[in-house]
Amino acid sequence: MADIYRADHVGSLLRPESLKEARNMFYAGGMSADTLRESEDAAILEALAQQERIGVAVFTDGEFRRSGFQNDMQDAVEGFIDTGTPAVVRIWKGPGGEPQAQGTQQVVGARLRLKHRLTGGQTEYLKAKAPGPVKMTVPSPNQFPAICYQDGVTDQFYPTRSDLLRELTGFIKAEIQSLLADGVSYIQMDEPRYSYYVDPVWRDHLRGLGVDPDKAFEEAVAADNDCLADARRAGVTVAMHICRGNNQSKWYAEGGYEPIAEKLFSGLDVDRFLLEYDTDRAGTFDPLRFVPKDKIVVLGLLSSKEGALEDQDELLRRIDEAAKFFPLENMALSPQCGFASMAAGNLLTEDEQWRKLEMVVDTARKIWG
């Protein structure tokens, strides 16, 4: 079994205001790439120090060199075109109205060609500076056909979304091979799109696009397995994170895991599942009965969307409840998602973020030692 890492977190952290300002200056032409990187380096060092102080088991760079958890794909691959329309393309739910648009929507408008690695400029510094094992995250290829395929444009180059998925799978697979060559020991794939297959609203949306949701789900599992296959080796932890959307404290899907649980948990060839479980939107723990007993389930019980700190007694009660369906010795704890899947970040403060992670560590120690 791979390392358990009882106190985990999904990866992204709130960007310090100084880093946000530096990136804005860079985009406006007022800062060089080298100076921006120095700002990123300083912010990453501070984030690593905080993680070490708190006692988390595995370290990330907070995704501080990214504008969003998935945006390395568009940066590294030639063939995406800018539509000029705001890049908010879902029906978001949560506090306030739609999230602030972060850039404009990009769709596939040519044959795709890899220009350079997705995370090539990120791993070396993290591995050199982290005081322990590091985690790197990659988006699932299934993330992109849903938001980057435009009829009348993309279909000139990829007749179906399935064709585009196959192409994207090759890019993610190649990036994971490079991460392995870098010596990264924990690789996590982020897959919010599985929520489409449990939410009746989004299943109907897929049908409206001419997509069979059940067939699309099976293709998504196969694509993710293909990407991760090379990482299934001794000394490497392979994880899948599943949520229901995360953008400035908003979400876009609801529904428990039950409709896809058996095929999802038995079909995905990973060591651990990081599962959103902080609200009723994720349903009950019953579907955990389908997780093979040689896997690790990381319960995402703390919200990364709001600052109020969870009650530890309630966390302990919920973990006991989950243990009715899956062995306690094969569980771990984390927030339900990243704190800043997009650079704008969720609606809480950095102090609140660190207190959440402190609670993760303290609760994990109370249960597992």
Protein backbone atom coordinates (compact mmCIF):
# COMPACT_ATOMS: atom_id res chain seq x y z
CA MET A 1 0.00 0.00 0.00
CA ALA A 2 1.20 3.54 -0.76
CA ASP A 3 1.86 6.04 2.04
CA ILE A 4 -1.35 6.93 3.87
CA TYR A 5 -0.65 10.61 4.72
CA ARG A 6 -3.34 10.91 7.40
CA ALA A 7 -3.43 14.74 7.21
CA ASP A 8 -3.76 15.74 3.58
CA HIS A 9 -4.91 18.76 1.59
CA VAL A 10 -6.06 19.06 -1.99
CA GLY A 11 -3.26 21.32 -3.18
CA SER A 12 -4.18 24.92 -3.92
CA LEU A 13 -3.75 27.61 -1.29
CA LEU A 14 -4.91 31.21 -1.14
CA ARG A 15 -2.51 33.46 -3.03
CA PRO A 16 -1.02 36.19 -0.84
CA GLU A 17 -2.06 39.69 -1.89
CA SER A 18 1.55 40.49 -2.76
CA LEU A 19 1.59 37.63 -5.26
CA LYS A 20 -1.74 38.66 -6.78
CA GLU A 21 -0.41 42.19 -7.22
CA ALA A 22 2.80 40.93 -8.80
CA ARG A 23 0.90 38.75 -11.27
CA ASN A 24 -1.39 41.66 -12.20
CA MET A 25 1.66 43.82 -12.83
CA PHE A 26 3.19 41.09 -14.97
CA TYR A 27 0.03 40.77 -17.09
CA ALA A 28 -0.05 44.55 -17.47
CA GLY A 29 3.54 44.58 -18.73
CA GLY A 30 4.94 46.24 -15.63
CA MET A 31 6.98 43.32 -14.35
CA SER A 32 9.40 40.89 -15.94
CA ALA A 33 8.93 37.13 -15.85
CA ASP A 34 12.07 36.82 -13.70
CA THR A 35 10.75 39.29 -11.14
CA LEU A 36 7.38 37.52 -11.06
CA ARG A 37 9.16 34.25 -10.42
CA GLU A 38 11.01 35.79 -7.50
CA SER A 39 7.64 36.81 -6.03
CA GLU A 40 6.34 33.29 -6.57
CA ASP A 41 9.43 31.80 -4.96
CA ALA A 42 9.03 33.94 -1.85
CA ALA A 43 5.33 33.09 -1.53
CA ILE A 44 6.02 29.37 -1.97
CA LEU A 45 8.75 29.41 0.70
CA GLU A 46 6.31 30.99 3.16
CA ALA A 47 3.58 28.47 2.27
CA LEU A 48 5.99 25.58 2.78
CA ALA A 49 7.04 26.98 6.15
CA GLN A 50 3.42 27.22 7.22
CA GLN A 51 2.71 23.67 6.12
CA GLU A 52 5.73 22.44 8.07
CA ARG A 53 4.68 24.42 11.16
CA ILE A 54 1.18 22.96 11.02
CA GLY A 55 2.41 19.42 10.45
CA VAL A 56 0.74 18.39 7.22
CA ALA A 57 2.07 15.14 5.85
CA VAL A 58 2.76 16.14 2.24
CA PHE A 59 3.75 19.49 0.75
CA THR A 60 2.53 21.53 -2.23
CA ASP A 61 3.51 24.88 -3.69
CA GLY A 62 -0.11 26.02 -3.34
CA GLU A 63 -0.32 26.06 -7.16
CA PHE A 64 1.11 29.57 -6.84
CA ARG A 65 2.63 29.47 -10.34
CA ARG A 66 -0.77 28.77 -11.92
CA SER A 67 -3.72 31.00 -12.72
CA GLY A 68 -6.00 28.04 -12.03
CA PHE A 69 -5.82 24.34 -11.29
CA GLN A 70 -6.39 23.42 -14.97
CA ASN A 71 -4.89 26.36 -16.82
CA ASP A 72 -1.48 24.84 -17.42
CA MET A 73 -3.15 22.92 -20.24
CA GLN A 74 -4.07 26.02 -22.25
CA ASP A 75 -0.68 27.56 -21.54
CA ALA A 76 1.26 24.51 -22.70
CA VAL A 77 -0.82 23.36 -25.67
CA GLU A 78 -1.20 25.20 -28.95
CA GLY A 79 -4.64 25.09 -30.57
CA PHE A 80 -6.88 26.80 -28.03
CA ILE A 81 -8.48 30.00 -29.30
CA ASP A 82 -9.92 32.89 -27.32
CA THR A 83 -13.65 33.46 -27.86
CA GLY A 84 -13.55 36.90 -26.25
CA THR A 85 -16.43 36.00 -23.94
CA PRO A 86 -16.03 35.77 -20.14
CA ALA A 87 -14.76 32.41 -18.96
CA VAL A 88 -17.72 31.68 -16.69
CA VAL A 89 -19.67 29.04 -18.55
CA ARG A 90 -21.56 27.15 -15.86
CA ILE A 91 -24.50 27.84 -13.61
CA TRP A 92 -22.69 28.50 -10.35
CA LYS A 93 -24.39 28.31 -6.97
CA GLY A 94 -23.35 29.82 -3.70
CA PRO A 95 -22.75 33.23 -2.14
CA GLY A 96 -23.50 36.20 -4.38
CA GLY A 97 -23.94 35.96 -8.10
CA GLU A 98 -21.73 34.44 -10.76
CA PRO A 99 -18.01 34.30 -9.94
CA GLN A 100 -15.86 37.09 -11.25
CA ALA A 101 -14.74 36.18 -14.76
CA GLN A 102 -11.07 35.25 -14.77
CA GLY A 103 -10.02 35.79 -18.33
CA THR A 104 -12.03 34.82 -21.38
CA GLN A 105 -13.27 31.47 -22.56
CA GLN A 106 -10.90 29.37 -24.63
CA VAL A 107 -12.07 26.62 -26.94
CA VAL A 108 -10.24 24.18 -29.15
CA GLY A 109 -10.01 25.77 -32.58
CA ALA A 110 -7.20 23.82 -34.25
CA ARG A 111 -5.34 20.54 -34.01
CA LEU A 112 -3.67 20.56 -30.63
CA ARG A 113 0.11 20.52 -30.33
CA LEU A 114 2.14 20.35 -27.13
CA LYS A 115 4.53 23.31 -26.95
CA HIS A 116 6.11 22.50 -23.60
CA ARG A 117 5.42 20.63 -20.39
CA LEU A 118 2.38 21.54 -18.32
CA THR A 119 4.18 21.83 -14.96
CA GLY A 120 7.77 21.93 -16.15
CA GLY A 121 8.65 25.13 -14.32
CA GLN A 122 7.07 24.09 -11.04
CA THR A 123 8.52 20.84 -9.72
CA GLU A 124 12.23 21.60 -9.42
CA TYR A 125 11.86 24.46 -6.95
CA LEU A 126 9.22 22.65 -4.91
CA LYS A 127 11.31 19.50 -4.56
CA ALA A 128 14.40 21.51 -3.68
CA LYS A 129 12.70 23.56 -0.95
CA ALA A 130 10.03 21.28 0.53
CA PRO A 131 10.88 19.79 3.94
CA GLY A 132 9.19 16.48 3.07
CA PRO A 133 7.40 14.56 0.29
CA VAL A 134 5.71 16.70 -2.36
CA LYS A 135 2.44 16.46 -4.21
CA MET A 136 1.85 17.70 -7.74
CA THR A 137 -1.63 17.97 -9.17
CA VAL A 138 -2.79 17.60 -12.77
CA PRO A 139 -6.27 18.09 -14.23
CA SER A 140 -8.16 15.16 -15.65
CA PRO A 141 -8.36 15.25 -19.46
CA ASN A 142 -12.12 14.88 -18.96
CA GLN A 143 -12.19 18.44 -17.67
CA PHE A 144 -11.72 19.99 -21.09
CA PRO A 145 -14.18 18.53 -23.63
CA ALA A 146 -17.00 19.78 -21.40
CA ILE A 147 -15.83 23.40 -21.48
CA CYS A 148 -13.54 23.73 -24.53
CA TYR A 149 -15.53 21.93 -27.23
CA GLN A 150 -17.62 24.27 -29.40
CA ASP A 151 -19.81 22.92 -32.16
CA GLY A 152 -18.99 24.51 -35.50
CA VAL A 153 -15.43 25.21 -34.36
CA THR A 154 -13.87 22.25 -32.57
CA ASP A 155 -15.63 19.62 -34.66
CA GLN A 156 -13.66 20.73 -37.72
CA PHE A 157 -10.61 19.18 -36.04
CA TYR A 158 -12.11 16.68 -33.57
CA PRO A 159 -15.44 15.32 -34.85
CA THR A 160 -16.64 14.36 -31.35
CA ARG A 161 -15.86 15.16 -27.73
CA SER A 162 -14.56 11.61 -27.43
CA ASP A 163 -11.98 12.34 -30.12
CA LEU A 164 -10.84 15.43 -28.23
CA LEU A 165 -10.68 13.47 -24.97
CA ARG A 166 -8.34 10.93 -26.53
CA GLU A 167 -6.00 13.68 -27.72
CA LEU A 168 -5.95 15.40 -24.33
CA THR A 169 -5.34 12.12 -22.55
CA GLY A 170 -2.01 11.82 -24.35
CA PHE A 171 -0.88 15.22 -23.05
CA ILE A 172 -1.76 14.46 -19.43
CA LYS A 173 -0.18 11.01 -19.66
CA ALA A 174 3.05 12.56 -20.96
CA GLU A 175 3.07 15.12 -18.13
CA ILE A 176 2.66 12.40 -15.52
CA GLN A 177 5.57 10.51 -17.06
CA SER A 178 7.65 13.68 -16.71
CA LEU A 179 6.59 14.12 -13.07
CA LEU A 180 7.74 10.57 -12.38
CA ALA A 181 11.08 11.36 -14.01
CA ASP A 182 11.29 14.43 -11.74
CA GLY A 183 11.00 12.13 -8.74
CA VAL A 184 7.57 13.35 -7.59
CA SER A 185 6.24 10.77 -5.15
CA TYR A 186 2.58 11.89 -4.90
CA ILE A 187 0.58 12.62 -8.06
CA GLN A 188 -3.03 13.73 -7.74
CA MET A 189 -5.55 14.08 -10.55
CA ASP A 190 -8.32 16.64 -10.05
CA GLU A 191 -11.66 15.48 -11.48
CA PRO A 192 -14.61 17.77 -10.68
CA ARG A 193 -16.34 16.61 -13.85
CA TYR A 194 -17.46 13.29 -12.33
CA SER A 195 -20.10 15.36 -10.57
CA TYR A 196 -21.86 15.69 -13.94
CA TYR A 197 -22.79 12.03 -13.74
CA VAL A 198 -24.50 12.22 -10.33
CA ASP A 199 -26.45 15.46 -10.81
CA PRO A 200 -29.70 15.07 -12.81
CA VAL A 201 -29.45 18.66 -14.08
CA TRP A 202 -26.03 18.08 -15.60
CA ARG A 203 -26.96 14.65 -16.95
CA ASP A 204 -29.76 16.39 -18.86
CA HIS A 205 -27.27 19.04 -19.99
CA LEU A 206 -25.04 16.34 -21.47
CA ARG A 207 -27.98 14.76 -23.26
CA GLY A 208 -28.78 18.17 -24.71
CA LEU A 209 -25.27 18.22 -26.18
CA GLY A 210 -25.91 14.84 -27.78
CA VAL A 211 -23.74 13.04 -25.21
CA ASP A 212 -24.82 9.83 -23.48
CA PRO A 213 -23.86 10.50 -19.82
CA ASP A 214 -23.31 6.83 -19.00
CA LYS A 215 -21.04 6.31 -21.99
CA ALA A 216 -19.21 9.56 -21.20
CA PHE A 217 -18.65 8.39 -17.62
CA GLU A 218 -17.11 5.12 -18.81
CA GLU A 219 -14.86 7.02 -21.25
CA ALA A 220 -13.77 9.34 -18.44
CA VAL A 221 -12.74 6.46 -16.17
CA ALA A 222 -10.83 4.81 -19.02
CA ALA A 223 -9.05 8.08 -19.89
CA ASP A 224 -8.06 8.76 -16.28
CA ASN A 225 -6.74 5.21 -15.89
CA ASP A 226 -4.71 5.57 -19.07
CA CYS A 227 -3.15 8.80 -17.78
CA LEU A 228 -2.24 7.33 -14.41
CA ALA A 229 -1.14 3.84 -15.47
CA ASP A 230 2.60 4.62 -15.56
CA ALA A 231 2.47 6.04 -12.03
CA ARG A 232 1.24 2.77 -10.51
CA ARG A 233 4.60 1.74 -9.14
CA ALA A 234 6.36 1.28 -5.81
CA GLY A 235 7.19 4.51 -4.01
CA VAL A 236 4.53 6.61 -5.77
CA THR A 237 1.13 7.61 -4.37
CA VAL A 238 -1.59 8.04 -7.01
CA ALA A 239 -4.73 9.91 -5.98
CA MET A 240 -8.01 11.08 -7.47
CA HIS A 241 -9.74 14.15 -6.08
CA ILE A 242 -13.46 14.46 -6.80
CA CYS A 243 -15.59 17.51 -6.00
CA ARG A 244 -18.62 19.40 -7.28
CA GLY A 245 -17.00 22.62 -8.45
CA ASN A 246 -14.95 25.21 -6.58
CA ASN A 247 -14.64 28.82 -7.70
CA GLN A 248 -14.70 31.76 -5.30
CA SER A 249 -16.68 29.68 -2.77
CA LYS A 250 -19.23 28.54 -5.34
CA TRP A 251 -20.13 25.14 -6.76
CA TYR A 252 -22.08 23.91 -9.77
CA ALA A 253 -23.25 20.37 -9.04
CA GLU A 254 -25.00 18.39 -6.34
CA GLY A 255 -25.62 14.73 -5.65
CA GLY A 256 -24.20 11.79 -3.74
CA TYR A 257 -21.76 9.28 -5.19
CA GLU A 258 -24.25 6.40 -5.22
CA PRO A 259 -25.21 6.43 -8.95
CA ILE A 260 -21.59 5.90 -10.04
CA ALA A 261 -19.96 4.60 -6.87
CA GLU A 262 -19.55 0.93 -7.76
CA LYS A 263 -18.01 1.55 -11.18
CA LEU A 264 -16.07 4.61 -10.03
CA PHE A 265 -14.42 3.20 -6.94
CA SER A 266 -13.77 -0.25 -8.34
CA GLY A 267 -12.85 1.01 -11.81
CA LEU A 268 -10.33 3.76 -11.06
CA ASP A 269 -6.86 2.34 -10.52
CA VAL A 270 -5.58 4.70 -7.83
CA ASP A 271 -4.23 4.41 -4.28
CA ARG A 272 -6.48 6.98 -2.68
CA PHE A 273 -9.68 8.93 -3.24
CA LEU A 274 -9.98 12.48 -1.91
CA LEU A 275 -13.74 12.89 -1.61
CA GLU A 276 -15.81 16.00 -0.97
CA TYR A 277 -17.97 15.38 2.10
CA ASP A 278 -18.41 18.72 3.84
CA THR A 279 -22.10 19.30 3.04
CA ASP A 280 -25.28 17.43 2.18
CA ARG A 281 -24.49 18.10 -1.49
CA ALA A 282 -22.16 15.09 -1.39
CA GLY A 283 -24.76 12.71 0.02
CA THR A 284 -24.15 10.01 2.61
CA PHE A 285 -21.20 7.76 3.39
CA ASP A 286 -23.06 4.65 2.20
CA PRO A 287 -21.30 4.57 -1.22
CA LEU A 288 -17.97 4.01 0.55
CA ARG A 289 -18.98 0.36 0.82
CA PHE A 290 -17.92 0.04 -2.83
CA VAL A 291 -14.34 1.25 -2.26
CA PRO A 292 -11.89 -1.67 -2.38
CA LYS A 293 -10.37 -2.30 1.03
CA ASP A 294 -6.81 -1.82 -0.26
CA LYS A 295 -7.51 1.84 -1.07
CA ILE A 296 -7.33 4.95 1.12
CA VAL A 297 -10.36 7.20 1.47
CA VAL A 298 -9.51 10.80 2.36
CA LEU A 299 -12.62 12.34 3.89
CA GLY A 300 -12.98 15.97 2.80
CA LEU A 301 -14.96 17.02 5.85
CA LEU A 302 -13.71 20.58 6.29
CA SER A 303 -15.01 23.26 3.96
CA SER A 304 -12.50 25.27 1.95
CA LYS A 305 -15.35 27.57 0.87
CA GLU A 306 -16.06 29.35 4.17
CA GLY A 307 -13.99 30.58 7.05
CA ALA A 308 -16.00 29.23 9.99
CA LEU A 309 -13.93 26.55 11.69
CA GLU A 310 -15.50 23.14 12.04
CA ASP A 311 -16.21 21.66 15.47
CA GLN A 312 -13.75 18.87 16.16
CA ASP A 313 -16.27 16.74 18.03
CA GLU A 314 -18.52 16.85 14.97
CA LEU A 315 -15.61 15.86 12.74
CA LEU A 316 -14.87 12.91 15.00
CA ARG A 317 -18.53 11.91 14.95
CA ARG A 318 -18.66 12.01 11.17
CA ILE A 319 -15.47 9.97 10.85
CA ASP A 320 -17.02 7.36 13.15
CA GLU A 321 -20.08 7.37 10.91
CA ALA A 322 -17.96 6.85 7.78
CA ALA A 323 -16.18 3.98 9.51
CA LYS A 324 -19.43 2.01 9.44
CA PHE A 325 -18.93 1.68 5.67
CA PHE A 326 -15.15 1.66 5.26
CA PRO A 327 -12.28 0.63 7.59
CA LEU A 328 -11.04 3.44 9.82
CA GLU A 329 -7.44 2.30 9.40
CA ASN A 330 -7.72 3.02 5.67
CA MET A 331 -8.99 6.58 6.02
CA ALA A 332 -7.40 10.02 6.20
CA LEU A 333 -8.67 13.61 6.51
CA SER A 334 -8.52 16.79 4.43
CA PRO A 335 -10.51 19.85 3.40
CA GLN A 336 -13.08 19.05 0.75
CA CYS A 337 -11.31 21.00 -2.02
CA GLY A 338 -8.52 23.45 -2.62
CA PHE A 339 -8.66 26.93 -1.12
CA ALA A 340 -7.99 28.58 -4.48
CA SER A 341 -8.81 26.37 -7.45
CA MET A 342 -8.70 29.66 -9.34
CA ALA A 343 -6.23 32.39 -8.44
CA ALA A 344 -8.94 34.69 -7.07
CA GLY A 345 -9.42 32.24 -4.21
CA ASN A 346 -12.33 31.35 -1.98
CA LEU A 347 -14.07 33.69 0.48
CA LEU A 348 -11.96 33.19 3.58
CA THR A 349 -8.75 34.64 4.94
CA GLU A 350 -5.29 33.11 4.96
CA ASP A 351 -5.49 32.85 8.77
CA GLU A 352 -8.76 30.94 8.46
CA GLN A 353 -7.19 28.67 5.84
CA TRP A 354 -4.26 27.80 8.12
CA ARG A 355 -6.59 27.19 11.08
CA LYS A 356 -8.52 24.74 8.91
CA LEU A 357 -5.34 22.84 8.11
CA GLU A 358 -4.32 22.90 11.77
CA MET A 359 -7.67 21.31 12.56
CA VAL A 360 -7.04 18.63 9.91
CA VAL A 361 -3.68 17.76 11.50
CA ASP A 362 -4.91 17.84 15.08
CA THR A 363 -7.97 15.71 14.32
CA ALA A 364 -5.91 13.20 12.34
CA ARG A 365 -3.48 12.85 15.26
CA LYS A 366 -6.34 12.26 17.70
CA ILE A 367 -7.63 9.38 15.57
CA TRP A 368 -4.54 7.76 14.08
CA GLY A 369 -1.73 9.00 16.28
